[in-house]
Amino acid sequence: MILGQMVNINKGDIVSVVGSGGKTSFINYYANYYKNKFKVLLTTTTKIYIPKFGTYEYMYITSNSKEYRVPTKNGITVCGKTISKQNKIIGLDFKELDVIIPKFDITFIESDGSKKKKIKGWNNTVTSSL
């Protein structure tokens, strides 16, 4: 079975990916799998590195424009609020996502940054006032 067929993603779906490794690879694989069939939005709620040129059809940075134009053709659109000094796309807030997501057929959101760490766990340094 083809990996793209193992996860049942349909038009209108929003896929939010979290974890400590493989998020970007997962999202890029599925975005490419569906790009000829759908208008695919690839975005983040945290920060992501700018994808390599040629791996997407469109890029939209909300701080550069007051009005968003929906692509007329299928393909991958990378979207974020701005680009940081570290050359990362800064994620959208929920209000922006609410406006932009309905303009696409499928949305992939990298929702949890790993900061290149191999594993994540709870942080016990938080104290309680109880």
N, C-alpha and C. Protein backbone atom coordinates (compact mmCIF):
# COMPACT_ATOMS: atom_id res chain seq x y z
N MET A 1 0.85 -1.18 0.00
CA MET A 1 0.00 0.00 0.00
C MET A 1 0.90 1.24 0.00
N ILE A 2 0.49 2.25 -0.75
CA ILE A 2 1.20 3.53 -0.80
C ILE A 2 0.95 4.28 0.51
N LEU A 3 2.00 4.88 1.06
CA LEU A 3 1.89 5.60 2.33
C LEU A 3 0.76 6.63 2.30
N GLY A 4 0.60 7.33 1.18
CA GLY A 4 -0.45 8.34 1.07
C GLY A 4 -1.85 7.79 1.22
N GLN A 5 -2.02 6.48 0.98
CA GLN A 5 -3.33 5.86 1.11
C GLN A 5 -3.59 5.33 2.52
N MET A 6 -2.55 5.30 3.34
CA MET A 6 -2.69 4.73 4.68
C MET A 6 -3.41 5.67 5.65
N VAL A 7 -3.33 6.96 5.40
CA VAL A 7 -4.05 7.94 6.22
C VAL A 7 -5.17 8.49 5.35
N ASN A 8 -6.38 8.37 5.81
CA ASN A 8 -7.55 8.77 5.03
C ASN A 8 -7.78 10.27 5.15
N ILE A 9 -7.18 11.04 4.24
CA ILE A 9 -7.32 12.49 4.23
C ILE A 9 -8.25 12.87 3.08
N ASN A 10 -9.26 13.68 3.40
CA ASN A 10 -10.26 14.06 2.41
C ASN A 10 -10.35 15.57 2.28
N LYS A 11 -10.95 16.01 1.21
CA LYS A 11 -11.17 17.44 0.99
C LYS A 11 -11.87 18.03 2.21
N GLY A 12 -11.36 19.17 2.67
CA GLY A 12 -11.91 19.85 3.83
C GLY A 12 -11.22 19.49 5.14
N ASP A 13 -10.33 18.50 5.11
CA ASP A 13 -9.65 18.08 6.34
C ASP A 13 -8.55 19.05 6.74
N ILE A 14 -8.36 19.15 8.04
CA ILE A 14 -7.26 19.91 8.63
C ILE A 14 -6.45 18.92 9.45
N VAL A 15 -5.18 18.78 9.10
CA VAL A 15 -4.30 17.85 9.78
C VAL A 15 -3.28 18.65 10.56
N SER A 16 -3.31 18.51 11.88
CA SER A 16 -2.37 19.21 12.75
C SER A 16 -1.40 18.18 13.32
N VAL A 17 -0.10 18.40 13.11
CA VAL A 17 0.90 17.40 13.47
C VAL A 17 1.73 17.91 14.65
N VAL A 18 1.87 17.06 15.67
CA VAL A 18 2.68 17.37 16.85
C VAL A 18 3.63 16.21 17.11
N GLY A 19 4.66 16.46 17.90
CA GLY A 19 5.58 15.40 18.29
C GLY A 19 7.00 15.89 18.28
N SER A 20 7.92 14.98 18.54
CA SER A 20 9.32 15.37 18.68
C SER A 20 10.16 15.03 17.47
N GLY A 21 9.60 14.49 16.44
CA GLY A 21 10.39 14.19 15.25
C GLY A 21 9.51 13.70 14.12
N GLY A 22 9.86 14.09 12.92
CA GLY A 22 9.15 13.61 11.73
C GLY A 22 7.98 14.46 11.27
N LYS A 23 7.67 15.54 11.99
CA LYS A 23 6.52 16.36 11.61
C LYS A 23 6.68 16.95 10.22
N THR A 24 7.83 17.57 9.98
CA THR A 24 8.05 18.24 8.69
C THR A 24 8.06 17.22 7.57
N SER A 25 8.72 16.09 7.76
CA SER A 25 8.75 15.04 6.73
C SER A 25 7.35 14.52 6.44
N PHE A 26 6.57 14.30 7.48
CA PHE A 26 5.19 13.81 7.32
C PHE A 26 4.36 14.80 6.52
N ILE A 27 4.41 16.07 6.94
CA ILE A 27 3.62 17.10 6.28
C ILE A 27 4.05 17.28 4.83
N ASN A 28 5.35 17.32 4.59
CA ASN A 28 5.83 17.49 3.22
C ASN A 28 5.44 16.32 2.33
N TYR A 29 5.52 15.11 2.86
CA TYR A 29 5.13 13.93 2.08
C TYR A 29 3.67 14.03 1.65
N TYR A 30 2.79 14.28 2.61
CA TYR A 30 1.36 14.33 2.29
C TYR A 30 0.99 15.55 1.45
N ALA A 31 1.62 16.67 1.68
CA ALA A 31 1.35 17.85 0.84
C ALA A 31 1.70 17.53 -0.61
N ASN A 32 2.84 16.89 -0.82
CA ASN A 32 3.24 16.51 -2.18
C ASN A 32 2.33 15.44 -2.77
N TYR A 33 1.87 14.54 -1.93
CA TYR A 33 0.98 13.48 -2.39
C TYR A 33 -0.34 14.05 -2.94
N TYR A 34 -0.83 15.12 -2.30
CA TYR A 34 -2.13 15.69 -2.68
C TYR A 34 -2.05 16.93 -3.55
N LYS A 35 -0.89 17.47 -3.83
CA LYS A 35 -0.78 18.76 -4.50
C LYS A 35 -1.36 18.79 -5.91
N ASN A 36 -1.40 17.68 -6.61
CA ASN A 36 -1.97 17.68 -7.97
C ASN A 36 -3.48 17.55 -7.96
N LYS A 37 -4.03 17.15 -6.83
CA LYS A 37 -5.47 16.92 -6.72
C LYS A 37 -6.19 18.06 -5.99
N PHE A 38 -5.48 18.76 -5.09
CA PHE A 38 -6.10 19.76 -4.22
C PHE A 38 -5.26 21.02 -4.10
N LYS A 39 -5.90 22.08 -3.60
CA LYS A 39 -5.19 23.27 -3.13
C LYS A 39 -4.79 22.97 -1.69
N VAL A 40 -3.51 22.83 -1.46
CA VAL A 40 -2.99 22.40 -0.17
C VAL A 40 -2.36 23.59 0.55
N LEU A 41 -2.77 23.81 1.79
CA LEU A 41 -2.17 24.83 2.64
C LEU A 41 -1.20 24.15 3.59
N LEU A 42 0.02 24.67 3.65
CA LEU A 42 1.03 24.19 4.57
C LEU A 42 1.42 25.36 5.46
N THR A 43 1.19 25.23 6.77
CA THR A 43 1.44 26.34 7.68
C THR A 43 1.87 25.83 9.04
N THR A 44 2.02 26.74 9.98
CA THR A 44 2.46 26.40 11.33
C THR A 44 1.78 27.29 12.34
N THR A 45 1.74 26.82 13.57
CA THR A 45 1.31 27.68 14.68
C THR A 45 2.52 28.09 15.51
N THR A 46 3.70 27.55 15.18
CA THR A 46 4.93 27.89 15.89
C THR A 46 5.89 28.54 14.90
N LYS A 47 6.99 27.86 14.59
CA LYS A 47 7.97 28.32 13.61
C LYS A 47 8.44 27.12 12.79
N ILE A 48 8.63 27.35 11.49
CA ILE A 48 9.20 26.30 10.63
C ILE A 48 10.24 26.93 9.72
N TYR A 49 11.20 26.12 9.32
CA TYR A 49 12.16 26.60 8.34
C TYR A 49 11.44 26.81 7.01
N ILE A 50 11.90 27.77 6.25
CA ILE A 50 11.33 28.02 4.93
C ILE A 50 11.63 26.79 4.07
N PRO A 51 10.60 26.21 3.46
CA PRO A 51 10.85 25.05 2.60
C PRO A 51 11.75 25.43 1.42
N LYS A 52 12.46 24.45 0.91
CA LYS A 52 13.33 24.68 -0.23
C LYS A 52 12.52 25.16 -1.43
N PHE A 53 13.10 26.13 -2.15
CA PHE A 53 12.45 26.66 -3.35
C PHE A 53 12.19 25.50 -4.32
N GLY A 54 11.00 25.48 -4.87
CA GLY A 54 10.62 24.43 -5.80
C GLY A 54 9.82 23.31 -5.16
N THR A 55 9.73 23.32 -3.82
CA THR A 55 8.92 22.30 -3.14
C THR A 55 7.49 22.78 -2.88
N TYR A 56 7.20 24.00 -3.29
CA TYR A 56 5.87 24.57 -3.15
C TYR A 56 5.61 25.46 -4.37
N GLU A 57 4.34 25.73 -4.62
CA GLU A 57 3.98 26.58 -5.76
C GLU A 57 3.83 28.05 -5.37
N TYR A 58 3.34 28.30 -4.16
CA TYR A 58 3.06 29.67 -3.73
C TYR A 58 3.54 29.87 -2.29
N MET A 59 3.91 31.10 -1.97
CA MET A 59 4.20 31.45 -0.58
C MET A 59 3.47 32.74 -0.27
N TYR A 60 2.80 32.75 0.86
CA TYR A 60 2.03 33.92 1.27
C TYR A 60 2.42 34.29 2.70
N ILE A 61 2.94 35.48 2.89
CA ILE A 61 3.30 36.00 4.21
C ILE A 61 2.31 37.11 4.55
N THR A 62 1.51 36.92 5.58
CA THR A 62 0.39 37.82 5.87
C THR A 62 0.83 39.25 6.19
N SER A 63 2.03 39.42 6.75
CA SER A 63 2.47 40.78 7.09
C SER A 63 2.83 41.60 5.85
N ASN A 64 2.95 40.95 4.70
CA ASN A 64 3.29 41.64 3.45
C ASN A 64 2.07 42.10 2.66
N SER A 65 0.88 41.71 3.08
CA SER A 65 -0.29 41.99 2.27
C SER A 65 -1.52 42.14 3.15
N LYS A 66 -2.41 42.99 2.73
CA LYS A 66 -3.68 43.16 3.43
C LYS A 66 -4.75 42.21 2.90
N GLU A 67 -4.55 41.75 1.68
CA GLU A 67 -5.56 40.90 1.03
C GLU A 67 -4.91 39.64 0.51
N TYR A 68 -5.52 38.51 0.79
CA TYR A 68 -4.99 37.23 0.33
C TYR A 68 -5.71 36.79 -0.94
N ARG A 69 -4.96 36.43 -1.94
CA ARG A 69 -5.53 35.91 -3.18
C ARG A 69 -5.39 34.40 -3.20
N VAL A 70 -6.50 33.73 -3.39
CA VAL A 70 -6.51 32.27 -3.42
C VAL A 70 -5.89 31.79 -4.72
N PRO A 71 -4.98 30.82 -4.65
CA PRO A 71 -4.44 30.25 -5.90
C PRO A 71 -5.57 29.69 -6.75
N THR A 72 -5.46 29.84 -8.04
CA THR A 72 -6.50 29.31 -8.94
C THR A 72 -6.22 27.87 -9.33
N LYS A 73 -5.00 27.40 -9.09
CA LYS A 73 -4.63 26.04 -9.46
C LYS A 73 -4.30 25.24 -8.22
N ASN A 74 -4.38 23.92 -8.36
CA ASN A 74 -3.97 23.03 -7.28
C ASN A 74 -2.47 23.19 -7.05
N GLY A 75 -2.03 22.84 -5.86
CA GLY A 75 -0.63 22.93 -5.51
C GLY A 75 -0.47 23.25 -4.04
N ILE A 76 0.77 23.45 -3.63
CA ILE A 76 1.09 23.72 -2.23
C ILE A 76 1.32 25.21 -2.03
N THR A 77 0.62 25.77 -1.04
CA THR A 77 0.85 27.15 -0.63
C THR A 77 1.39 27.13 0.79
N VAL A 78 2.56 27.72 0.99
CA VAL A 78 3.15 27.87 2.31
C VAL A 78 2.72 29.23 2.83
N CYS A 79 2.26 29.26 4.07
CA CYS A 79 1.72 30.51 4.60
C CYS A 79 2.18 30.73 6.03
N GLY A 80 2.52 31.99 6.34
CA GLY A 80 2.90 32.36 7.68
C GLY A 80 2.70 33.84 7.90
N LYS A 81 2.91 34.27 9.14
CA LYS A 81 2.73 35.67 9.51
C LYS A 81 3.90 36.53 9.01
N THR A 82 5.13 36.06 9.24
CA THR A 82 6.32 36.80 8.85
C THR A 82 7.50 35.84 8.81
N ILE A 83 8.66 36.34 8.40
CA ILE A 83 9.87 35.53 8.40
C ILE A 83 10.84 36.14 9.41
N SER A 84 11.35 35.29 10.29
CA SER A 84 12.22 35.76 11.38
C SER A 84 13.64 36.00 10.88
N LYS A 85 14.46 36.59 11.74
CA LYS A 85 15.87 36.80 11.43
C LYS A 85 16.61 35.48 11.27
N GLN A 86 16.08 34.42 11.87
CA GLN A 86 16.67 33.08 11.75
C GLN A 86 16.19 32.35 10.50
N ASN A 87 15.49 33.09 9.64
CA ASN A 87 14.97 32.55 8.38
C ASN A 87 13.93 31.45 8.60
N LYS A 88 13.08 31.67 9.60
CA LYS A 88 11.98 30.75 9.87
C LYS A 88 10.66 31.47 9.64
N ILE A 89 9.68 30.73 9.18
CA ILE A 89 8.34 31.27 9.03
C ILE A 89 7.67 31.26 10.39
N ILE A 90 7.18 32.41 10.81
CA ILE A 90 6.46 32.54 12.08
C ILE A 90 5.00 32.18 11.84
N GLY A 91 4.46 31.40 12.74
CA GLY A 91 3.11 30.86 12.56
C GLY A 91 1.99 31.88 12.63
N LEU A 92 0.86 31.43 12.17
CA LEU A 92 -0.35 32.23 12.15
C LEU A 92 -1.10 32.08 13.46
N ASP A 93 -1.86 33.11 13.82
CA ASP A 93 -2.71 32.97 14.99
C ASP A 93 -4.05 32.37 14.55
N PHE A 94 -4.87 32.02 15.52
CA PHE A 94 -6.12 31.33 15.21
C PHE A 94 -7.08 32.17 14.37
N LYS A 95 -7.10 33.48 14.58
CA LYS A 95 -7.97 34.33 13.77
C LYS A 95 -7.56 34.29 12.30
N GLU A 96 -6.24 34.34 12.04
CA GLU A 96 -5.76 34.27 10.66
C GLU A 96 -6.06 32.90 10.05
N LEU A 97 -5.85 31.84 10.84
CA LEU A 97 -6.16 30.50 10.35
C LEU A 97 -7.64 30.37 9.98
N ASP A 98 -8.51 30.95 10.80
CA ASP A 98 -9.96 30.89 10.52
C ASP A 98 -10.31 31.53 9.19
N VAL A 99 -9.57 32.55 8.78
CA VAL A 99 -9.83 33.24 7.52
C VAL A 99 -9.23 32.48 6.34
N ILE A 100 -8.03 31.97 6.50
CA ILE A 100 -7.29 31.39 5.38
C ILE A 100 -7.66 29.94 5.09
N ILE A 101 -7.87 29.12 6.12
CA ILE A 101 -8.12 27.69 5.92
C ILE A 101 -9.29 27.40 4.98
N PRO A 102 -10.43 28.09 5.09
CA PRO A 102 -11.56 27.76 4.21
C PRO A 102 -11.27 27.98 2.72
N LYS A 103 -10.20 28.67 2.38
CA LYS A 103 -9.87 28.93 0.99
C LYS A 103 -9.12 27.76 0.35
N PHE A 104 -8.79 26.74 1.13
CA PHE A 104 -8.03 25.59 0.65
C PHE A 104 -8.82 24.30 0.80
N ASP A 105 -8.40 23.29 0.04
CA ASP A 105 -9.07 22.00 0.09
C ASP A 105 -8.57 21.16 1.27
N ILE A 106 -7.27 21.21 1.55
CA ILE A 106 -6.66 20.45 2.63
C ILE A 106 -5.64 21.36 3.33
N THR A 107 -5.56 21.26 4.65
CA THR A 107 -4.61 22.06 5.41
C THR A 107 -3.74 21.15 6.27
N PHE A 108 -2.43 21.38 6.22
CA PHE A 108 -1.48 20.70 7.09
C PHE A 108 -0.82 21.76 7.97
N ILE A 109 -0.90 21.55 9.29
CA ILE A 109 -0.36 22.51 10.25
C ILE A 109 0.70 21.82 11.10
N GLU A 110 1.92 22.35 11.06
CA GLU A 110 2.94 21.89 11.99
C GLU A 110 2.72 22.67 13.27
N SER A 111 2.24 21.98 14.30
CA SER A 111 1.71 22.67 15.48
C SER A 111 2.60 22.65 16.70
N ASP A 112 3.74 22.01 16.64
CA ASP A 112 4.53 21.85 17.85
C ASP A 112 6.00 21.76 17.47
N GLY A 113 6.74 22.80 17.74
CA GLY A 113 8.17 22.80 17.40
C GLY A 113 8.98 21.90 18.31
N SER A 114 10.00 21.24 17.76
CA SER A 114 10.84 20.35 18.57
C SER A 114 12.22 20.92 18.85
N LYS A 115 12.55 22.04 18.21
CA LYS A 115 13.86 22.67 18.39
C LYS A 115 14.99 21.68 18.16
N LYS A 116 14.78 20.77 17.18
CA LYS A 116 15.76 19.76 16.77
C LYS A 116 16.13 18.78 17.88
N LYS A 117 15.30 18.67 18.91
CA LYS A 117 15.54 17.71 19.96
C LYS A 117 14.97 16.36 19.55
N LYS A 118 15.61 15.29 19.98
CA LYS A 118 15.20 13.95 19.56
C LYS A 118 14.01 13.42 20.34
N ILE A 119 13.79 13.94 21.53
CA ILE A 119 12.69 13.46 22.37
C ILE A 119 12.13 14.62 23.19
N LYS A 120 10.86 14.49 23.56
CA LYS A 120 10.22 15.50 24.39
C LYS A 120 9.62 14.82 25.60
N GLY A 121 9.45 15.59 26.65
CA GLY A 121 8.81 15.06 27.85
C GLY A 121 8.31 16.21 28.70
N TRP A 122 7.73 15.86 29.83
CA TRP A 122 7.20 16.88 30.74
C TRP A 122 8.35 17.62 31.39
N ASN A 123 8.12 18.87 31.71
CA ASN A 123 9.10 19.70 32.38
C ASN A 123 8.64 19.86 33.83
N ASN A 124 9.38 19.30 34.77
CA ASN A 124 9.00 19.34 36.19
C ASN A 124 9.45 20.60 36.91
N THR A 125 9.95 21.59 36.18
CA THR A 125 10.40 22.80 36.83
C THR A 125 9.28 23.77 37.11
N VAL A 126 8.08 23.50 36.63
CA VAL A 126 6.93 24.36 36.89
C VAL A 126 6.45 24.12 38.31
N THR A 127 6.30 25.17 39.07
CA THR A 127 5.85 25.02 40.46
C THR A 127 4.41 25.46 40.59
N SER A 128 3.77 24.94 41.55
CA SER A 128 2.38 25.25 41.81
C SER A 128 2.26 26.11 43.06
N SER A 129 1.23 26.93 43.11
CA SER A 129 1.00 27.78 44.29
C SER A 129 0.04 27.12 45.27
N LEU A 130 -0.30 25.86 45.05
CA LEU A 130 -1.24 25.18 45.94
C LEU A 130 -0.65 24.81 47.27
